Amino acid sequence: MTETNVWCKPDNAFEYSFPLLSFTEINKSYDLIRVESGRLSLVDIRDVF
């Protein structure tokens, strides 16, 4: 996408928008875990740890 990691620096992180990757099977697995565990609301993984 870019030739350097300049966009990873905090000062530049929100300057531009980049497309997000989507992993269909990972999303399906996450949904299954949520349903099986009885937690139907979405959770940001960063809030868990």
PDB file of N, CA and C in Angstrom:
ATOM      1  N   MET A   1       0.820  -1.181   0.000  1.00  0.00           N
ATOM      2  CA  MET A   1       0.000   0.000   0.000  1.00  0.00           C
ATOM      3  C   MET A   1       0.873   1.258   0.000  1.00  0.00           C
ATOM      4  N   THR A   2       1.881   1.284   0.850  1.00  0.00           N
ATOM      5  CA  THR A   2       2.843   2.392   0.842  1.00  0.00           C
ATOM      6  C   THR A   2       4.240   1.797   0.892  1.00  0.00           C
ATOM      7  N   GLU A   3       5.217   2.579   0.485  1.00  0.00           N
ATOM      8  CA  GLU A   3       6.580   2.067   0.419  1.00  0.00           C
ATOM      9  C   GLU A   3       7.306   2.120   1.759  1.00  0.00           C
ATOM     10  N   THR A   4       6.835   2.920   2.701  1.00  0.00           N
ATOM     11  CA  THR A   4       7.472   3.038   4.009  1.00  0.00           C
ATOM     12  C   THR A   4       6.435   2.879   5.111  1.00  0.00           C
ATOM     13  N   ASN A   5       6.875   2.889   6.347  1.00  0.00           N
ATOM     14  CA  ASN A   5       5.960   2.786   7.477  1.00  0.00           C
ATOM     15  C   ASN A   5       5.618   4.158   8.064  1.00  0.00           C
ATOM     16  N   VAL A   6       5.787   5.201   7.272  1.00  0.00           N
ATOM     17  CA  VAL A   6       5.558   6.560   7.758  1.00  0.00           C
ATOM     18  C   VAL A   6       4.142   6.735   8.322  1.00  0.00           C
ATOM     19  N   TRP A   7       3.161   5.996   7.807  1.00  0.00           N
ATOM     20  CA  TRP A   7       1.776   6.153   8.262  1.00  0.00           C
ATOM     21  C   TRP A   7       1.529   5.506   9.614  1.00  0.00           C
ATOM     22  N   CYS A   8       2.465   4.712  10.098  1.00  0.00           N
ATOM     23  CA  CYS A   8       2.316   4.083  11.409  1.00  0.00           C
ATOM     24  C   CYS A   8       2.706   5.019  12.548  1.00  0.00           C
ATOM     25  N   LYS A   9       3.383   6.087  12.235  1.00  0.00           N
ATOM     26  CA  LYS A   9       3.788   7.047  13.262  1.00  0.00           C
ATOM     27  C   LYS A   9       2.556   7.778  13.785  1.00  0.00           C
ATOM     28  N   PRO A  10       2.411   7.907  15.102  1.00  0.00           N
ATOM     29  CA  PRO A  10       1.212   8.534  15.688  1.00  0.00           C
ATOM     30  C   PRO A  10       0.868   9.895  15.097  1.00  0.00           C
ATOM     31  N   ASP A  11       1.868  10.705  14.769  1.00  0.00           N
ATOM     32  CA  ASP A  11       1.588  12.033  14.210  1.00  0.00           C
ATOM     33  C   ASP A  11       0.902  11.966  12.851  1.00  0.00           C
ATOM     34  N   ASN A  12       1.084  10.875  12.136  1.00  0.00           N
ATOM     35  CA  ASN A  12       0.527  10.733  10.789  1.00  0.00           C
ATOM     36  C   ASN A  12      -0.663   9.784  10.722  1.00  0.00           C
ATOM     37  N   ALA A  13      -0.944   9.090  11.789  1.00  0.00           N
ATOM     38  CA  ALA A  13      -1.899   7.979  11.758  1.00  0.00           C
ATOM     39  C   ALA A  13      -3.292   8.366  11.273  1.00  0.00           C
ATOM     40  N   PHE A  14      -3.726   9.569  11.550  1.00  0.00           N
ATOM     41  CA  PHE A  14      -5.100   9.950  11.198  1.00  0.00           C
ATOM     42  C   PHE A  14      -5.163  10.947  10.048  1.00  0.00           C
ATOM     43  N   GLU A  15      -4.077  11.094   9.326  1.00  0.00           N
ATOM     44  CA  GLU A  15      -4.040  12.033   8.205  1.00  0.00           C
ATOM     45  C   GLU A  15      -4.834  11.535   7.000  1.00  0.00           C
ATOM     46  N   TYR A  16      -4.809  10.242   6.754  1.00  0.00           N
ATOM     47  CA  TYR A  16      -5.482   9.659   5.600  1.00  0.00           C
ATOM     48  C   TYR A  16      -6.225   8.412   6.018  1.00  0.00           C
ATOM     49  N   SER A  17      -7.186   8.030   5.220  1.00  0.00           N
ATOM     50  CA  SER A  17      -7.921   6.784   5.464  1.00  0.00           C
ATOM     51  C   SER A  17      -7.415   5.719   4.494  1.00  0.00           C
ATOM     52  N   PHE A  18      -7.246   4.535   5.004  1.00  0.00           N
ATOM     53  CA  PHE A  18      -6.846   3.408   4.179  1.00  0.00           C
ATOM     54  C   PHE A  18      -7.929   2.351   4.263  1.00  0.00           C
ATOM     55  N   PRO A  19      -8.098   1.557   3.220  1.00  0.00           N
ATOM     56  CA  PRO A  19      -9.122   0.509   3.259  1.00  0.00           C
ATOM     57  C   PRO A  19      -8.818  -0.515   4.349  1.00  0.00           C
ATOM     58  N   LEU A  20      -9.871  -0.989   4.976  1.00  0.00           N
ATOM     59  CA  LEU A  20      -9.727  -2.014   6.000  1.00  0.00           C
ATOM     60  C   LEU A  20      -9.803  -3.395   5.369  1.00  0.00           C
ATOM     61  N   LEU A  21      -9.048  -4.312   5.905  1.00  0.00           N
ATOM     62  CA  LEU A  21      -9.115  -5.689   5.445  1.00  0.00           C
ATOM     63  C   LEU A  21     -10.281  -6.388   6.114  1.00  0.00           C
ATOM     64  N   SER A  22     -10.877  -7.303   5.421  1.00  0.00           N
ATOM     65  CA  SER A  22     -11.959  -8.085   5.988  1.00  0.00           C
ATOM     66  C   SER A  22     -11.634  -9.560   5.811  1.00  0.00           C
ATOM     67  N   PHE A  23     -11.758 -10.282   6.883  1.00  0.00           N
ATOM     68  CA  PHE A  23     -11.483 -11.703   6.861  1.00  0.00           C
ATOM     69  C   PHE A  23     -12.787 -12.436   7.176  1.00  0.00           C
ATOM     70  N   THR A  24     -13.511 -12.802   6.150  1.00  0.00           N
ATOM     71  CA  THR A  24     -14.842 -13.367   6.287  1.00  0.00           C
ATOM     72  C   THR A  24     -14.897 -14.542   7.247  1.00  0.00           C
ATOM     73  N   GLU A  25     -14.018 -15.494   7.107  1.00  0.00           N
ATOM     74  CA  GLU A  25     -14.071 -16.680   7.966  1.00  0.00           C
ATOM     75  C   GLU A  25     -13.716 -16.338   9.407  1.00  0.00           C
ATOM     76  N   ILE A  26     -12.791 -15.405   9.608  1.00  0.00           N
ATOM     77  CA  ILE A  26     -12.472 -14.973  10.971  1.00  0.00           C
ATOM     78  C   ILE A  26     -13.687 -14.288  11.588  1.00  0.00           C
ATOM     79  N   ASN A  27     -14.363 -13.452  10.819  1.00  0.00           N
ATOM     80  CA  ASN A  27     -15.574 -12.785  11.314  1.00  0.00           C
ATOM     81  C   ASN A  27     -16.653 -13.803  11.666  1.00  0.00           C
ATOM     82  N   LYS A  28     -16.815 -14.823  10.835  1.00  0.00           N
ATOM     83  CA  LYS A  28     -17.803 -15.872  11.123  1.00  0.00           C
ATOM     84  C   LYS A  28     -17.442 -16.624  12.405  1.00  0.00           C
ATOM     85  N   SER A  29     -16.156 -16.895  12.587  1.00  0.00           N
ATOM     86  CA  SER A  29     -15.708 -17.583  13.796  1.00  0.00           C
ATOM     87  C   SER A  29     -15.965 -16.737  15.027  1.00  0.00           C
ATOM     88  N   TYR A  30     -15.689 -15.456  14.936  1.00  0.00           N
ATOM     89  CA  TYR A  30     -15.938 -14.534  16.041  1.00  0.00           C
ATOM     90  C   TYR A  30     -17.428 -14.506  16.388  1.00  0.00           C
ATOM     91  N   ASP A  31     -18.280 -14.441  15.363  1.00  0.00           N
ATOM     92  CA  ASP A  31     -19.725 -14.453  15.597  1.00  0.00           C
ATOM     93  C   ASP A  31     -20.167 -15.744  16.278  1.00  0.00           C
ATOM     94  N   LEU A  32     -19.618 -16.874  15.870  1.00  0.00           N
ATOM     95  CA  LEU A  32     -19.960 -18.151  16.482  1.00  0.00           C
ATOM     96  C   LEU A  32     -19.538 -18.171  17.954  1.00  0.00           C
ATOM     97  N   ILE A  33     -18.347 -17.682  18.244  1.00  0.00           N
ATOM     98  CA  ILE A  33     -17.877 -17.626  19.636  1.00  0.00           C
ATOM     99  C   ILE A  33     -18.802 -16.748  20.472  1.00  0.00           C
ATOM    100  N   ARG A  34     -19.212 -15.612  19.918  1.00  0.00           N
ATOM    101  CA  ARG A  34     -20.119 -14.713  20.649  1.00  0.00           C
ATOM    102  C   ARG A  34     -21.444 -15.404  20.964  1.00  0.00           C
ATOM    103  N   VAL A  35     -22.003 -16.079  19.977  1.00  0.00           N
ATOM    104  CA  VAL A  35     -23.290 -16.746  20.164  1.00  0.00           C
ATOM    105  C   VAL A  35     -23.162 -17.888  21.161  1.00  0.00           C
ATOM    106  N   GLU A  36     -22.141 -18.712  20.987  1.00  0.00           N
ATOM    107  CA  GLU A  36     -21.942 -19.861  21.868  1.00  0.00           C
ATOM    108  C   GLU A  36     -21.674 -19.440  23.313  1.00  0.00           C
ATOM    109  N   SER A  37     -21.013 -18.300  23.502  1.00  0.00           N
ATOM    110  CA  SER A  37     -20.689 -17.840  24.856  1.00  0.00           C
ATOM    111  C   SER A  37     -21.821 -17.038  25.486  1.00  0.00           C
ATOM    112  N   GLY A  38     -22.850 -16.737  24.687  1.00  0.00           N
ATOM    113  CA  GLY A  38     -23.985 -15.977  25.207  1.00  0.00           C
ATOM    114  C   GLY A  38     -23.748 -14.472  25.245  1.00  0.00           C
ATOM    115  N   ARG A  39     -22.680 -14.025  24.670  1.00  0.00           N
ATOM    116  CA  ARG A  39     -22.379 -12.583  24.621  1.00  0.00           C
ATOM    117  C   ARG A  39     -22.711 -12.082  23.222  1.00  0.00           C
ATOM    118  N   LEU A  40     -23.900 -11.559  23.061  1.00  0.00           N
ATOM    119  CA  LEU A  40     -24.350 -11.173  21.733  1.00  0.00           C
ATOM    120  C   LEU A  40     -23.843  -9.807  21.297  1.00  0.00           C
ATOM    121  N   SER A  41     -23.425  -8.974  22.244  1.00  0.00           N
ATOM    122  CA  SER A  41     -22.932  -7.655  21.852  1.00  0.00           C
ATOM    123  C   SER A  41     -21.498  -7.765  21.328  1.00  0.00           C
ATOM    124  N   LEU A  42     -21.164  -6.881  20.402  1.00  0.00           N
ATOM    125  CA  LEU A  42     -19.813  -6.865  19.858  1.00  0.00           C
ATOM    126  C   LEU A  42     -18.853  -6.282  20.882  1.00  0.00           C
ATOM    127  N   VAL A  43     -17.643  -6.820  20.908  1.00  0.00           N
ATOM    128  CA  VAL A  43     -16.622  -6.368  21.851  1.00  0.00           C
ATOM    129  C   VAL A  43     -15.357  -6.071  21.069  1.00  0.00           C
ATOM    130  N   ASP A  44     -14.743  -4.959  21.383  1.00  0.00           N
ATOM    131  CA  ASP A  44     -13.452  -4.628  20.787  1.00  0.00           C
ATOM    132  C   ASP A  44     -12.388  -5.431  21.524  1.00  0.00           C
ATOM    133  N   ILE A  45     -11.620  -6.215  20.807  1.00  0.00           N
ATOM    134  CA  ILE A  45     -10.634  -7.096  21.433  1.00  0.00           C
ATOM    135  C   ILE A  45      -9.654  -6.320  22.289  1.00  0.00           C
ATOM    136  N   ARG A  46      -9.392  -5.076  21.963  1.00  0.00           N
ATOM    137  CA  ARG A  46      -8.460  -4.263  22.750  1.00  0.00           C
ATOM    138  C   ARG A  46      -9.013  -3.947  24.127  1.00  0.00           C
ATOM    139  N   ASP A  47     -10.351  -4.020  24.290  1.00  0.00           N
ATOM    140  CA  ASP A  47     -10.962  -3.757  25.592  1.00  0.00           C
ATOM    141  C   ASP A  47     -10.934  -4.984  26.500  1.00  0.00           C
ATOM    142  N   VAL A  48     -10.639  -6.145  25.942  1.00  0.00           N
ATOM    143  CA  VAL A  48     -10.669  -7.388  26.708  1.00  0.00           C
ATOM    144  C   VAL A  48      -9.379  -7.578  27.488  1.00  0.00           C
ATOM    145  N   PHE A  49      -8.268  -7.174  26.924  1.00  0.00           N
ATOM    146  CA  PHE A  49      -6.972  -7.405  27.562  1.00  0.00           C
ATOM    147  C   PHE A  49      -6.482  -6.184  28.282  1.00  0.00           C
TER     148      PHE A  49
END
